[in-house]
Amino acid sequence: MFPLYSATFPRTAAELESLLNQSVQRVFSRTTQPVTVREKEYPALAEIRISLDGAELRDDAPRRPAVEGVRKPALKVDELHVTGSGLTIGPATANLVLRAEQVGLNQAADRNGEIVLLLQNASNGTIEIATSKRDLERAIAAFAKAEAGKHGVVIDDVKLTFRQRGARSVDAEVQLRGKKLFFSTVIRIAASLDLDDDLNAKLSRLTCNGDGAIGSLACGVLAPHLQKLDGRTFALMALPLGEIRLRDVTLATGEMLKVSAEFGA
């Protein structure tokens, strides 16, 4: 899904490239002309390439527009590539690779009458989103240190472990060492992660346990934040796929937490 924020369909590949660049830059910062369009015989295109290397998802990124009315064919693209190495999403970083061939894009309108491009079909395509366990540990440590530190608890020695529960499900446990004055304890945070067909990840069963007074204090500080996350669903695709249906969605663990899927005829 690519909102063009224009009621007029681009007349040339150059106009399309300009509108797509503006659209992507509303969602991601630290990008300079991330979109490249190679023309074939417009509206037939040889390639659309979007590079999000080092980009950051904006805190104020616009919501996905609600699409209304009739959809009609707009563009044919031989190759679509979306890549993002070191892509920052909230406190974590991830790598994104999307490749598709013989792509059809439809156009529709949002509630303001502005054009939205929708990925309608492809002969074949793959998506992979991956983040390292180390990056996740850093993100968790930063959050825990900021909150527990307000109450004089020092957090260090963060260790994250995964246990695969199914092709799309994983249980995670974070062990942190909490220290205050001359005393220390181990704090354990547990959570379950489940992935659906549209690459939406749901967090559930978040718990915090810690020994002694320091553990109770730290969990008391973290518990309200965990409660807000419990049951929440997060879209892993910052650039939604429009009307494409995914298949063979998998979630794999190891030194990397990796989500992959395929689509197309």
C-alpha atoms as a PDB file:
ATOM      1  CA  MET A   1       0.000   0.000   0.000  1.00  0.00           C
ATOM      2  CA  PHE A   2       1.498   3.298  -1.129  1.00  0.00           C
ATOM      3  CA  PRO A   3      -0.531   6.479  -0.470  1.00  0.00           C
ATOM      4  CA  LEU A   4       0.393   9.087  -3.100  1.00  0.00           C
ATOM      5  CA  TYR A   5      -1.249  12.052  -1.299  1.00  0.00           C
ATOM      6  CA  SER A   6      -2.473  13.328  -4.642  1.00  0.00           C
ATOM      7  CA  ALA A   7      -5.864  13.171  -6.351  1.00  0.00           C
ATOM      8  CA  THR A   8      -4.165  13.099  -9.763  1.00  0.00           C
ATOM      9  CA  PHE A   9      -2.484   9.948 -11.032  1.00  0.00           C
ATOM     10  CA  PRO A  10       1.171  10.598 -12.017  1.00  0.00           C
ATOM     11  CA  ARG A  11       1.562  11.117 -15.767  1.00  0.00           C
ATOM     12  CA  THR A  12       5.166   9.904 -15.975  1.00  0.00           C
ATOM     13  CA  ALA A  13       7.559   7.558 -14.194  1.00  0.00           C
ATOM     14  CA  ALA A  14       9.438  10.607 -12.892  1.00  0.00           C
ATOM     15  CA  GLU A  15       6.255  11.997 -11.304  1.00  0.00           C
ATOM     16  CA  LEU A  16       5.524   8.592  -9.792  1.00  0.00           C
ATOM     17  CA  GLU A  17       9.036   8.399  -8.326  1.00  0.00           C
ATOM     18  CA  SER A  18       8.660  11.849  -6.774  1.00  0.00           C
ATOM     19  CA  LEU A  19       5.303  11.016  -5.163  1.00  0.00           C
ATOM     20  CA  LEU A  20       6.560   7.671  -3.858  1.00  0.00           C
ATOM     21  CA  ASN A  21       9.621   9.332  -2.328  1.00  0.00           C
ATOM     22  CA  GLN A  22       7.432  11.842  -0.516  1.00  0.00           C
ATOM     23  CA  SER A  23       5.126   9.061   0.673  1.00  0.00           C
ATOM     24  CA  VAL A  24       7.925   6.883   2.058  1.00  0.00           C
ATOM     25  CA  GLN A  25       9.574   9.864   3.755  1.00  0.00           C
ATOM     26  CA  ARG A  26       6.362  10.535   5.690  1.00  0.00           C
ATOM     27  CA  VAL A  27       6.765   7.098   7.267  1.00  0.00           C
ATOM     28  CA  PHE A  28      10.564   6.913   7.648  1.00  0.00           C
ATOM     29  CA  SER A  29      13.157   9.487   8.646  1.00  0.00           C
ATOM     30  CA  ARG A  30      16.868   9.444   7.777  1.00  0.00           C
ATOM     31  CA  THR A  31      16.112   8.667   4.149  1.00  0.00           C
ATOM     32  CA  THR A  32      17.261  10.577   1.071  1.00  0.00           C
ATOM     33  CA  GLN A  33      15.374   9.750  -2.126  1.00  0.00           C
ATOM     34  CA  PRO A  34      14.731   6.140  -1.035  1.00  0.00           C
ATOM     35  CA  VAL A  35      12.661   5.262  -4.128  1.00  0.00           C
ATOM     36  CA  THR A  36      14.022   4.628  -7.618  1.00  0.00           C
ATOM     37  CA  VAL A  37      11.702   3.907 -10.562  1.00  0.00           C
ATOM     38  CA  ARG A  38      12.996   2.472 -13.836  1.00  0.00           C
ATOM     39  CA  GLU A  39      10.657   2.987 -16.751  1.00  0.00           C
ATOM     40  CA  LYS A  40       9.796   0.403 -19.375  1.00  0.00           C
ATOM     41  CA  GLU A  41       6.830   1.847 -21.264  1.00  0.00           C
ATOM     42  CA  TYR A  42       4.814   3.798 -18.711  1.00  0.00           C
ATOM     43  CA  PRO A  43       2.631   2.720 -16.966  1.00  0.00           C
ATOM     44  CA  ALA A  44       4.663  -0.469 -17.460  1.00  0.00           C
ATOM     45  CA  LEU A  45       7.820  -0.293 -15.334  1.00  0.00           C
ATOM     46  CA  ALA A  46      11.027  -2.293 -15.282  1.00  0.00           C
ATOM     47  CA  GLU A  47      11.598  -1.820 -11.561  1.00  0.00           C
ATOM     48  CA  ILE A  48      10.575  -0.055  -8.372  1.00  0.00           C
ATOM     49  CA  ARG A  49      13.336  -0.160  -5.760  1.00  0.00           C
ATOM     50  CA  ILE A  50      12.940   1.176  -2.215  1.00  0.00           C
ATOM     51  CA  SER A  51      16.055   1.376  -0.034  1.00  0.00           C
ATOM     52  CA  LEU A  52      15.487   1.908   3.691  1.00  0.00           C
ATOM     53  CA  ASP A  53      19.042   1.208   4.856  1.00  0.00           C
ATOM     54  CA  GLY A  54      19.618   3.057   8.135  1.00  0.00           C
ATOM     55  CA  ALA A  55      16.109   4.549   8.100  1.00  0.00           C
ATOM     56  CA  GLU A  56      13.938   5.009  11.192  1.00  0.00           C
ATOM     57  CA  LEU A  57      10.193   4.523  11.507  1.00  0.00           C
ATOM     58  CA  ARG A  58       8.765   7.881  12.578  1.00  0.00           C
ATOM     59  CA  ASP A  59       6.918   8.116  15.888  1.00  0.00           C
ATOM     60  CA  ASP A  60       4.356  10.302  14.126  1.00  0.00           C
ATOM     61  CA  ALA A  61       4.060   8.169  10.977  1.00  0.00           C
ATOM     62  CA  PRO A  62       0.619   8.580   9.370  1.00  0.00           C
ATOM     63  CA  ARG A  63      -1.907   5.815   9.824  1.00  0.00           C
ATOM     64  CA  ARG A  64      -2.716   3.536   6.940  1.00  0.00           C
ATOM     65  CA  PRO A  65      -5.468   5.193   4.922  1.00  0.00           C
ATOM     66  CA  ALA A  66      -8.874   3.562   4.636  1.00  0.00           C
ATOM     67  CA  VAL A  67      -9.456   2.699   0.989  1.00  0.00           C
ATOM     68  CA  GLU A  68     -12.879   3.247  -0.540  1.00  0.00           C
ATOM     69  CA  GLY A  69     -14.558   2.727  -3.894  1.00  0.00           C
ATOM     70  CA  VAL A  70     -13.547   0.820  -6.988  1.00  0.00           C
ATOM     71  CA  ARG A  71     -10.043  -0.536  -7.501  1.00  0.00           C
ATOM     72  CA  LYS A  72      -8.663  -0.465 -11.018  1.00  0.00           C
ATOM     73  CA  PRO A  73      -5.375  -1.558 -12.620  1.00  0.00           C
ATOM     74  CA  ALA A  74      -2.690   1.124 -12.476  1.00  0.00           C
ATOM     75  CA  LEU A  75       0.852  -0.202 -12.960  1.00  0.00           C
ATOM     76  CA  LYS A  76       2.724  -3.289 -14.099  1.00  0.00           C
ATOM     77  CA  VAL A  77       6.183  -3.740 -12.583  1.00  0.00           C
ATOM     78  CA  ASP A  78       8.703  -6.377 -13.671  1.00  0.00           C
ATOM     79  CA  GLU A  79      10.585  -6.265 -10.363  1.00  0.00           C
ATOM     80  CA  LEU A  80       9.800  -4.791  -6.945  1.00  0.00           C
ATOM     81  CA  HIS A  81      12.557  -4.598  -4.341  1.00  0.00           C
ATOM     82  CA  VAL A  82      12.269  -3.234  -0.792  1.00  0.00           C
ATOM     83  CA  THR A  83      15.367  -3.512   1.393  1.00  0.00           C
ATOM     84  CA  GLY A  84      16.248  -2.133   4.789  1.00  0.00           C
ATOM     85  CA  SER A  85      19.479  -2.904   6.616  1.00  0.00           C
ATOM     86  CA  GLY A  86      19.694  -1.526  10.148  1.00  0.00           C
ATOM     87  CA  LEU A  87      16.098  -0.304   9.992  1.00  0.00           C
ATOM     88  CA  THR A  88      15.098   1.264  13.330  1.00  0.00           C
ATOM     89  CA  ILE A  89      11.597   0.431  14.540  1.00  0.00           C
ATOM     90  CA  GLY A  90      11.019   1.804  18.030  1.00  0.00           C
ATOM     91  CA  PRO A  91      13.832   0.691  20.356  1.00  0.00           C
ATOM     92  CA  ALA A  92      14.969  -2.178  18.100  1.00  0.00           C
ATOM     93  CA  THR A  93      16.659  -2.546  14.729  1.00  0.00           C
ATOM     94  CA  ALA A  94      15.808  -5.023  12.000  1.00  0.00           C
ATOM     95  CA  ASN A  95      16.691  -6.042   8.467  1.00  0.00           C
ATOM     96  CA  LEU A  96      13.972  -6.188   5.810  1.00  0.00           C
ATOM     97  CA  VAL A  97      14.042  -7.779   2.359  1.00  0.00           C
ATOM     98  CA  LEU A  98      11.034  -7.945   0.018  1.00  0.00           C
ATOM     99  CA  ARG A  99      11.381  -9.160  -3.555  1.00  0.00           C
ATOM    100  CA  ALA A 100       8.611  -9.707  -6.101  1.00  0.00           C
ATOM    101  CA  GLU A 101       8.360 -10.278  -9.852  1.00  0.00           C
ATOM    102  CA  GLN A 102       5.649  -9.452 -12.392  1.00  0.00           C
ATOM    103  CA  VAL A 103       3.791  -7.237  -9.945  1.00  0.00           C
ATOM    104  CA  GLY A 104       0.398  -5.682 -10.580  1.00  0.00           C
ATOM    105  CA  LEU A 105      -0.541  -2.506  -8.680  1.00  0.00           C
ATOM    106  CA  ASN A 106      -4.123  -1.291  -8.468  1.00  0.00           C
ATOM    107  CA  GLN A 107      -5.203   2.242  -7.692  1.00  0.00           C
ATOM    108  CA  ALA A 108      -7.990   3.222  -5.320  1.00  0.00           C
ATOM    109  CA  ALA A 109      -8.950   6.334  -3.376  1.00  0.00           C
ATOM    110  CA  ASP A 110      -8.859   7.141   0.322  1.00  0.00           C
ATOM    111  CA  ARG A 111     -11.519   9.158   2.147  1.00  0.00           C
ATOM    112  CA  ASN A 112      -9.950  12.386   0.910  1.00  0.00           C
ATOM    113  CA  GLY A 113     -10.137  11.274  -2.709  1.00  0.00           C
ATOM    114  CA  GLU A 114      -6.360  10.846  -2.896  1.00  0.00           C
ATOM    115  CA  ILE A 115      -4.810   7.927  -4.748  1.00  0.00           C
ATOM    116  CA  VAL A 116      -3.529   4.837  -2.955  1.00  0.00           C
ATOM    117  CA  LEU A 117      -1.552   2.158  -4.818  1.00  0.00           C
ATOM    118  CA  LEU A 118      -2.320  -1.408  -3.733  1.00  0.00           C
ATOM    119  CA  LEU A 119      -0.199  -4.468  -4.383  1.00  0.00           C
ATOM    120  CA  GLN A 120      -2.715  -6.656  -6.221  1.00  0.00           C
ATOM    121  CA  ASN A 121      -0.752  -9.641  -7.532  1.00  0.00           C
ATOM    122  CA  ALA A 122       2.684 -11.024  -8.350  1.00  0.00           C
ATOM    123  CA  SER A 123       4.033 -14.098 -10.090  1.00  0.00           C
ATOM    124  CA  ASN A 124       6.177 -14.789  -7.020  1.00  0.00           C
ATOM    125  CA  GLY A 125       7.503 -12.936  -4.030  1.00  0.00           C
ATOM    126  CA  THR A 126       9.297 -13.364  -0.711  1.00  0.00           C
ATOM    127  CA  ILE A 127       9.564 -11.357   2.503  1.00  0.00           C
ATOM    128  CA  GLU A 128      12.102 -11.704   5.280  1.00  0.00           C
ATOM    129  CA  ILE A 129      12.296  -9.625   8.459  1.00  0.00           C
ATOM    130  CA  ALA A 130      15.086 -10.406  10.912  1.00  0.00           C
ATOM    131  CA  THR A 131      16.563  -8.957  14.073  1.00  0.00           C
ATOM    132  CA  SER A 132      19.426 -10.258  16.174  1.00  0.00           C
ATOM    133  CA  LYS A 133      19.040 -11.487  19.722  1.00  0.00           C
ATOM    134  CA  ARG A 134      21.767  -9.044  20.725  1.00  0.00           C
ATOM    135  CA  ASP A 135      19.813  -6.066  19.362  1.00  0.00           C
ATOM    136  CA  LEU A 136      16.705  -7.209  21.222  1.00  0.00           C
ATOM    137  CA  GLU A 137      18.725  -7.558  24.432  1.00  0.00           C
ATOM    138  CA  ARG A 138      20.028  -4.008  24.003  1.00  0.00           C
ATOM    139  CA  ALA A 139      16.506  -2.663  23.465  1.00  0.00           C
ATOM    140  CA  ILE A 140      15.143  -4.498  26.510  1.00  0.00           C
ATOM    141  CA  ALA A 141      18.087  -3.380  28.648  1.00  0.00           C
ATOM    142  CA  ALA A 142      17.621   0.265  27.650  1.00  0.00           C
ATOM    143  CA  PHE A 143      13.934   0.170  28.577  1.00  0.00           C
ATOM    144  CA  ALA A 144      14.481  -1.658  31.886  1.00  0.00           C
ATOM    145  CA  LYS A 145      17.371   0.601  32.918  1.00  0.00           C
ATOM    146  CA  ALA A 146      15.371   3.752  32.220  1.00  0.00           C
ATOM    147  CA  GLU A 147      12.363   2.649  34.279  1.00  0.00           C
ATOM    148  CA  ALA A 148      14.060   0.803  37.148  1.00  0.00           C
ATOM    149  CA  GLY A 149      16.740   3.491  37.401  1.00  0.00           C
ATOM    150  CA  LYS A 150      14.083   5.995  38.494  1.00  0.00           C
ATOM    151  CA  HIS A 151      13.803   3.960  41.706  1.00  0.00           C
ATOM    152  CA  GLY A 152      17.507   3.433  42.285  1.00  0.00           C
ATOM    153  CA  VAL A 153      17.665  -0.071  40.819  1.00  0.00           C
ATOM    154  CA  VAL A 154      20.595  -0.692  38.479  1.00  0.00           C
ATOM    155  CA  ILE A 155      19.918  -3.195  35.685  1.00  0.00           C
ATOM    156  CA  ASP A 156      22.680  -5.110  33.899  1.00  0.00           C
ATOM    157  CA  ASP A 157      23.601  -8.545  32.547  1.00  0.00           C
ATOM    158  CA  VAL A 158      20.591  -8.989  30.261  1.00  0.00           C
ATOM    159  CA  LYS A 159      20.094 -12.431  28.701  1.00  0.00           C
ATOM    160  CA  LEU A 160      17.302 -13.338  26.262  1.00  0.00           C
ATOM    161  CA  THR A 161      16.307 -16.929  25.468  1.00  0.00           C
ATOM    162  CA  PHE A 162      13.710 -18.318  23.044  1.00  0.00           C
ATOM    163  CA  ARG A 163      11.745 -21.555  22.992  1.00  0.00           C
ATOM    164  CA  GLN A 164       9.993 -22.429  19.735  1.00  0.00           C
ATOM    165  CA  ARG A 165       6.334 -23.363  20.346  1.00  0.00           C
ATOM    166  CA  GLY A 166       5.236 -23.855  16.737  1.00  0.00           C
ATOM    167  CA  ALA A 167       5.891 -22.641  13.201  1.00  0.00           C
ATOM    168  CA  ARG A 168       4.629 -19.157  14.121  1.00  0.00           C
ATOM    169  CA  SER A 169       4.900 -19.087  17.903  1.00  0.00           C
ATOM    170  CA  VAL A 170       7.704 -18.584  20.367  1.00  0.00           C
ATOM    171  CA  ASP A 171       8.065 -18.187  24.131  1.00  0.00           C
ATOM    172  CA  ALA A 172      10.717 -15.789  25.361  1.00  0.00           C
ATOM    173  CA  GLU A 173      12.360 -15.195  28.720  1.00  0.00           C
ATOM    174  CA  VAL A 174      14.536 -12.260  29.684  1.00  0.00           C
ATOM    175  CA  GLN A 175      16.829 -12.557  32.684  1.00  0.00           C
ATOM    176  CA  LEU A 176      18.162  -9.317  34.129  1.00  0.00           C
ATOM    177  CA  ARG A 177      20.304  -8.683  37.163  1.00  0.00           C
ATOM    178  CA  GLY A 178      19.009  -5.921  39.392  1.00  0.00           C
ATOM    179  CA  LYS A 179      21.223  -4.200  41.964  1.00  0.00           C
ATOM    180  CA  LYS A 180      20.559  -1.627  44.659  1.00  0.00           C
ATOM    181  CA  LEU A 181      23.268  -0.600  47.088  1.00  0.00           C
ATOM    182  CA  PHE A 182      25.039  -3.846  48.100  1.00  0.00           C
ATOM    183  CA  PHE A 183      22.227  -6.217  47.156  1.00  0.00           C
ATOM    184  CA  SER A 184      21.419  -7.909  43.864  1.00  0.00           C
ATOM    185  CA  THR A 185      18.854 -10.313  42.462  1.00  0.00           C
ATOM    186  CA  VAL A 186      17.752 -11.935  39.211  1.00  0.00           C
ATOM    187  CA  ILE A 187      14.602 -10.644  37.516  1.00  0.00           C
ATOM    188  CA  ARG A 188      12.781 -12.798  34.969  1.00  0.00           C
ATOM    189  CA  ILE A 189      10.361 -11.431  32.379  1.00  0.00           C
ATOM    190  CA  ALA A 190       8.459 -13.960  30.271  1.00  0.00           C
ATOM    191  CA  ALA A 191       6.294 -13.443  27.182  1.00  0.00           C
ATOM    192  CA  SER A 192       4.697 -15.312  24.299  1.00  0.00           C
ATOM    193  CA  LEU A 193       4.762 -14.145  20.682  1.00  0.00           C
ATOM    194  CA  ASP A 194       2.364 -15.392  17.999  1.00  0.00           C
ATOM    195  CA  LEU A 195       2.395 -14.435  14.323  1.00  0.00           C
ATOM    196  CA  ASP A 196      -0.651 -14.360  12.021  1.00  0.00           C
ATOM    197  CA  ASP A 197      -1.046 -14.635   8.227  1.00  0.00           C
ATOM    198  CA  ASP A 198      -0.612 -10.868   7.747  1.00  0.00           C
ATOM    199  CA  LEU A 199       2.661 -10.591   9.697  1.00  0.00           C
ATOM    200  CA  ASN A 200       0.985  -9.168  12.775  1.00  0.00           C
ATOM    201  CA  ALA A 201       2.732 -10.200  15.999  1.00  0.00           C
ATOM    202  CA  LYS A 202       0.718 -10.555  19.201  1.00  0.00           C
ATOM    203  CA  LEU A 203       2.361 -10.368  22.626  1.00  0.00           C
ATOM    204  CA  SER A 204       0.683 -12.226  25.472  1.00  0.00           C
ATOM    205  CA  ARG A 205       1.246 -13.830  28.881  1.00  0.00           C
ATOM    206  CA  LEU A 206       3.740 -11.206  30.018  1.00  0.00           C
ATOM    207  CA  THR A 207       4.929 -11.829  33.566  1.00  0.00           C
ATOM    208  CA  CYS A 208       7.682 -10.508  35.819  1.00  0.00           C
ATOM    209  CA  ASN A 209       9.215 -12.369  38.750  1.00  0.00           C
ATOM    210  CA  GLY A 210      12.079 -11.369  41.004  1.00  0.00           C
ATOM    211  CA  ASP A 211      13.487 -12.576  44.315  1.00  0.00           C
ATOM    212  CA  GLY A 212      13.573 -10.499  47.470  1.00  0.00           C
ATOM    213  CA  ALA A 213      12.819  -6.838  48.008  1.00  0.00           C
ATOM    214  CA  ILE A 214      14.824  -5.641  44.991  1.00  0.00           C
ATOM    215  CA  GLY A 215      13.103  -8.109  42.678  1.00  0.00           C
ATOM    216  CA  SER A 216       9.688  -7.094  43.966  1.00  0.00           C
ATOM    217  CA  LEU A 217      10.555  -3.415  43.566  1.00  0.00           C
ATOM    218  CA  ALA A 218      11.822  -3.855  40.005  1.00  0.00           C
ATOM    219  CA  CYS A 219       8.809  -5.935  38.935  1.00  0.00           C
ATOM    220  CA  GLY A 220       6.504  -3.434  40.583  1.00  0.00           C
ATOM    221  CA  VAL A 221       8.051  -0.709  38.437  1.00  0.00           C
ATOM    222  CA  LEU A 222       7.965  -2.754  35.216  1.00  0.00           C
ATOM    223  CA  ALA A 223       4.553  -4.404  35.703  1.00  0.00           C
ATOM    224  CA  PRO A 224       2.394  -1.448  34.523  1.00  0.00           C
ATOM    225  CA  HIS A 225       4.400  -1.229  31.292  1.00  0.00           C
ATOM    226  CA  LEU A 226       4.132  -4.974  30.725  1.00  0.00           C
ATOM    227  CA  GLN A 227       0.372  -4.832  31.296  1.00  0.00           C
ATOM    228  CA  LYS A 228       0.047  -2.229  28.542  1.00  0.00           C
ATOM    229  CA  LEU A 229       1.878  -4.543  26.141  1.00  0.00           C
ATOM    230  CA  ASP A 230       0.026  -7.718  27.136  1.00  0.00           C
ATOM    231  CA  GLY A 231      -2.433  -8.625  24.391  1.00  0.00           C
ATOM    232  CA  ARG A 232      -1.226  -5.955  21.974  1.00  0.00           C
ATOM    233  CA  THR A 233      -0.697  -6.681  18.291  1.00  0.00           C
ATOM    234  CA  PHE A 234       2.105  -5.074  16.283  1.00  0.00           C
ATOM    235  CA  ALA A 235       2.282  -4.885  12.477  1.00  0.00           C
ATOM    236  CA  LEU A 236       5.734  -6.077  11.400  1.00  0.00           C
ATOM    237  CA  MET A 237       5.313  -4.675   7.881  1.00  0.00           C
ATOM    238  CA  ALA A 238       5.674  -0.898   8.065  1.00  0.00           C
ATOM    239  CA  LEU A 239       4.804  -0.833   4.350  1.00  0.00           C
ATOM    240  CA  PRO A 240       1.581  -2.882   4.206  1.00  0.00           C
ATOM    241  CA  LEU A 241       1.098  -5.290   1.333  1.00  0.00           C
ATOM    242  CA  GLY A 242      -2.281  -4.147   0.088  1.00  0.00           C
ATOM    243  CA  GLU A 243      -4.406  -7.027  -1.205  1.00  0.00           C
ATOM    244  CA  ILE A 244      -1.663  -9.671  -1.467  1.00  0.00           C
ATOM    245  CA  ARG A 245      -2.212 -12.797   0.627  1.00  0.00           C
ATOM    246  CA  LEU A 246       0.798 -14.419   2.258  1.00  0.00           C
ATOM    247  CA  ARG A 247       1.565 -18.122   2.550  1.00  0.00           C
ATOM    248  CA  ASP A 248       4.163 -20.267   4.313  1.00  0.00           C
ATOM    249  CA  VAL A 249       4.533 -17.711   7.112  1.00  0.00           C
ATOM    250  CA  THR A 250       7.204 -18.882   9.563  1.00  0.00           C
ATOM    251  CA  LEU A 251       8.920 -17.586  12.688  1.00  0.00           C
ATOM    252  CA  ALA A 252      12.386 -19.002  13.403  1.00  0.00           C
ATOM    253  CA  THR A 253      14.654 -18.466  16.397  1.00  0.00           C
ATOM    254  CA  GLY A 254      18.354 -18.736  17.095  1.00  0.00           C
ATOM    255  CA  GLU A 255      20.893 -15.941  17.198  1.00  0.00           C
ATOM    256  CA  MET A 256      18.427 -14.177  14.901  1.00  0.00           C
ATOM    257  CA  LEU A 257      14.663 -13.883  15.284  1.00  0.00           C
ATOM    258  CA  LYS A 258      13.526 -14.294  11.687  1.00  0.00           C
ATOM    259  CA  VAL A 259      10.094 -13.964  10.062  1.00  0.00           C
ATOM    260  CA  SER A 260       9.631 -15.128   6.479  1.00  0.00           C
ATOM    261  CA  ALA A 261       6.744 -15.564   4.052  1.00  0.00           C
ATOM    262  CA  GLU A 262       5.985 -16.106   0.383  1.00  0.00           C
ATOM    263  CA  PHE A 263       3.277 -14.746  -1.889  1.00  0.00           C
ATOM    264  CA  GLY A 264       2.225 -14.795  -5.512  1.00  0.00           C
ATOM    265  CA  ALA A 265       0.688 -17.183  -8.023  1.00  0.00           C
END
